Every structure is written in structure tokens, then in C-alpha cells.
Amino acid sequence: EGKPELDVGIGICSGDVVAGTMGAEKHKEYTVVGNTVNLAAKIQEQTRQVSRDRGVICRFIISDDTQVHVCSEIETLFLEEIMISSRHIPLKIWEVIGLKT
């Protein structure tokens, strides 16, 4: 129909966060902060890199901790281990393929 294609990459990481309303009296926003949020952002950045490297669009990438929680219901594909500057060990990342049948 001539409409632009929506191109979204999502990174998911499981863990503790600090959540709440932050800001000034006249302008407050609900937000989350913490190491888990930062890792999710780094994982999300990988969606574009993986898509370029493989020539296939990769929409959802999850952390190893998340994969452990969802592996019984979600089909995943191990992608690689990436180094994150705030971590001393590599982070395993997984592509979400879809629901298991």
C-alpha cells in the first residue's frame, strides 16, 4: 500500500529494577532504572547488528536469564556471547523464534 514498514527491535532482560514516578512537581514520569534496564538496552542494540550480519530481520533478543524462564514455552535460538563494559563476563543472547507448538 506504499506505507513505510515498521522496524522495531526489542531487547528483554530479567532482573531487579527500581520503578516509580520521577521528575519535578510539574512534570513527572513513570520510569525504571537499574543494571537490568541498561542490559536490556544493550541487548536491544544487538537486534540491528544481528539483522545486518545475518541478512534477516531480528525483532526480539533476550538475555540468558530470561531464556531460562521462558524456554519451556518459547522457541529460541542461541546467537552469541557479547561483552558489556559494565560486566566482567560475557552475556549470552538468544533470538526469540516464536511459541512452541
Protein backbone atom coordinates (compact mmCIF):
# COMPACT_ATOMS: atom_id res chain seq x y z
CA GLU A 1 0.00 0.00 0.00
CA GLY A 2 3.01 2.28 -0.14
CA LYS A 3 3.20 2.69 3.62
CA PRO A 4 6.59 2.51 5.38
CA GLU A 5 7.39 -0.76 7.13
CA LEU A 6 7.61 -0.65 10.90
CA ASP A 7 11.07 -1.77 12.00
CA VAL A 8 11.31 -2.43 15.74
CA GLY A 9 13.92 -4.29 17.75
CA ILE A 10 13.20 -5.33 21.34
CA GLY A 11 15.71 -6.41 23.98
CA ILE A 12 14.50 -8.15 27.13
CA CYS A 13 16.50 -8.83 30.27
CA SER A 14 15.18 -10.29 33.52
CA GLY A 15 16.21 -8.93 36.89
CA ASP A 16 15.62 -6.33 39.56
CA VAL A 17 14.81 -2.71 38.69
CA VAL A 18 13.84 0.41 40.56
CA ALA A 19 10.45 1.57 39.28
CA GLY A 20 8.48 4.65 40.13
CA THR A 21 7.45 8.19 39.34
CA MET A 22 10.37 10.57 38.93
CA GLY A 23 10.69 14.21 38.00
CA ALA A 24 9.79 17.69 39.07
CA GLU A 25 6.49 18.71 40.64
CA LYS A 26 5.02 19.89 37.31
CA HIS A 27 6.44 17.13 35.13
CA LYS A 28 6.61 13.58 36.43
CA GLU A 29 7.07 10.36 34.50
CA TYR A 30 6.89 6.71 35.46
CA THR A 31 10.20 5.04 34.67
CA VAL A 32 12.50 2.14 35.51
CA VAL A 33 16.23 2.32 36.19
CA GLY A 34 18.99 -0.07 37.11
CA ASN A 35 21.51 -2.51 35.71
CA THR A 36 18.78 -4.74 34.26
CA VAL A 37 17.36 -1.80 32.28
CA ASN A 38 20.84 -0.93 30.98
CA LEU A 39 21.45 -4.54 29.90
CA ALA A 40 18.09 -4.63 28.09
CA ALA A 41 19.10 -1.50 26.17
CA LYS A 42 22.42 -3.11 25.18
CA ILE A 43 20.58 -6.25 24.06
CA GLN A 44 18.15 -4.14 22.02
CA GLU A 45 21.11 -2.56 20.22
CA GLN A 46 22.10 -6.05 19.08
CA THR A 47 18.86 -6.50 17.10
CA ARG A 48 20.15 -4.21 14.36
CA GLN A 49 23.62 -5.78 14.33
CA VAL A 50 22.25 -9.32 14.15
CA SER A 51 19.83 -8.30 11.39
CA ARG A 52 22.70 -6.81 9.35
CA ASP A 53 25.07 -9.72 9.94
CA ARG A 54 22.55 -12.44 9.07
CA GLY A 55 20.61 -10.56 6.40
CA VAL A 56 17.41 -11.49 8.26
CA ILE A 57 15.36 -9.12 10.40
CA CYS A 58 15.74 -9.98 14.07
CA ARG A 59 12.96 -8.45 16.17
CA PHE A 60 13.34 -9.90 19.69
CA ILE A 61 16.53 -10.75 21.58
CA ILE A 62 16.53 -11.91 25.19
CA SER A 63 19.19 -12.42 27.83
CA ASP A 64 20.29 -15.80 29.15
CA ASP A 65 18.40 -15.17 32.42
CA THR A 66 15.18 -14.53 30.50
CA GLN A 67 15.70 -17.54 28.23
CA VAL A 68 15.84 -19.82 31.28
CA HIS A 69 12.40 -18.54 32.38
CA VAL A 70 10.67 -18.90 29.00
CA CYS A 71 12.41 -21.86 27.32
CA SER A 72 9.58 -24.30 28.09
CA GLU A 73 7.08 -22.20 26.11
CA ILE A 74 9.14 -20.08 23.71
CA GLU A 75 11.37 -21.38 20.92
CA THR A 76 14.71 -19.59 20.98
CA LEU A 77 17.95 -19.66 19.02
CA PHE A 78 21.29 -19.02 20.73
CA LEU A 79 23.02 -16.14 18.94
CA GLU A 80 26.28 -15.35 20.67
CA GLU A 81 28.02 -14.08 23.75
CA ILE A 82 28.55 -10.32 23.86
CA MET A 83 30.79 -8.28 26.10
CA ILE A 84 29.18 -5.44 28.03
CA SER A 85 31.52 -2.83 29.50
CA SER A 86 29.84 -2.97 32.94
CA ARG A 87 30.23 -6.78 33.18
CA HIS A 88 33.33 -8.90 33.56
CA ILE A 89 31.75 -11.94 31.95
CA PRO A 90 30.11 -12.28 28.55
CA LEU A 91 26.33 -12.07 28.25
CA LYS A 92 24.63 -14.85 26.27
CA ILE A 93 21.87 -13.60 24.00
CA TRP A 94 19.05 -15.51 22.32
CA GLU A 95 16.71 -14.73 19.44
CA VAL A 96 13.01 -15.36 20.07
CA ILE A 97 11.65 -17.51 17.22
CA GLY A 98 8.06 -17.99 18.44
CA LEU A 99 5.77 -20.03 20.63
CA LYS A 100 6.44 -23.73 20.95
CA THR A 101 3.69 -25.91 19.50
